[in-house]
């Protein structure tokens, strides 16, 4: 099964760019998330973390 998929994928022109694009999207998302976590205000984090307990 994997051999069939690999042979089929190799026949598609320009397919080699998609793993690189996926890696860049993944890396960019986590860098932005990491930046947001360290720059978020403490009051906002405390408010959001207490939401499940308020009801």
Protein backbone atom coordinates (compact mmCIF):
# COMPACT_ATOMS: atom_id res chain seq x y z
CA UNK A 1 0.00 0.00 0.00
CA UNK A 2 2.75 2.45 0.94
CA UNK A 3 4.67 1.59 -2.21
CA UNK A 4 1.61 2.42 -4.31
CA UNK A 5 1.15 5.79 -2.59
CA UNK A 6 4.86 6.62 -2.88
CA UNK A 7 4.93 5.81 -6.60
CA UNK A 8 1.76 7.81 -7.16
CA UNK A 9 3.10 10.85 -5.25
CA UNK A 10 6.38 10.80 -7.18
CA UNK A 11 4.46 11.18 -10.42
CA UNK A 12 2.98 14.53 -9.33
CA UNK A 13 5.03 17.50 -10.49
CA UNK A 14 6.01 19.97 -7.77
CA UNK A 15 4.95 17.71 -4.88
CA UNK A 16 8.27 18.16 -3.05
CA UNK A 17 7.36 21.70 -1.94
CA UNK A 18 4.38 20.64 0.21
CA UNK A 19 6.36 19.10 3.12
CA UNK A 20 8.46 22.27 3.28
CA UNK A 21 5.36 24.47 3.32
CA UNK A 22 3.82 22.31 6.06
CA UNK A 23 6.97 22.58 8.17
CA UNK A 24 7.06 26.35 7.77
CA UNK A 25 3.39 26.71 8.76
CA UNK A 26 3.91 24.44 11.78
CA UNK A 27 7.06 26.28 12.90
CA UNK A 28 5.50 29.74 12.38
CA UNK A 29 2.38 28.80 14.34
CA UNK A 30 4.35 27.60 17.35
CA UNK A 31 6.73 30.56 17.30
CA UNK A 32 3.75 32.95 17.32
CA UNK A 33 2.07 30.93 20.07
CA UNK A 34 5.28 30.92 22.12
CA UNK A 35 5.60 34.70 21.69
CA UNK A 36 1.94 35.24 22.70
CA UNK A 37 2.31 33.15 25.85
CA UNK A 38 5.29 35.14 27.07
CA UNK A 39 3.79 38.53 26.25
CA UNK A 40 0.25 37.90 27.56
CA UNK A 41 -0.83 39.99 30.53
CA UNK A 42 -1.09 38.24 33.89
CA UNK A 43 -4.59 39.62 34.49
CA UNK A 44 -5.86 38.11 31.25
CA UNK A 45 -4.32 34.71 32.02
CA UNK A 46 -5.86 34.70 35.52
CA UNK A 47 -9.29 35.73 34.17
CA UNK A 48 -9.29 33.03 31.51
CA UNK A 49 -8.00 30.36 33.89
CA UNK A 50 -10.81 31.09 36.37
CA UNK A 51 -13.60 30.95 33.78
CA UNK A 52 -14.46 27.26 34.35
CA UNK A 53 -14.72 27.88 38.10
CA UNK A 54 -16.98 30.95 37.89
CA UNK A 55 -20.16 29.13 36.82
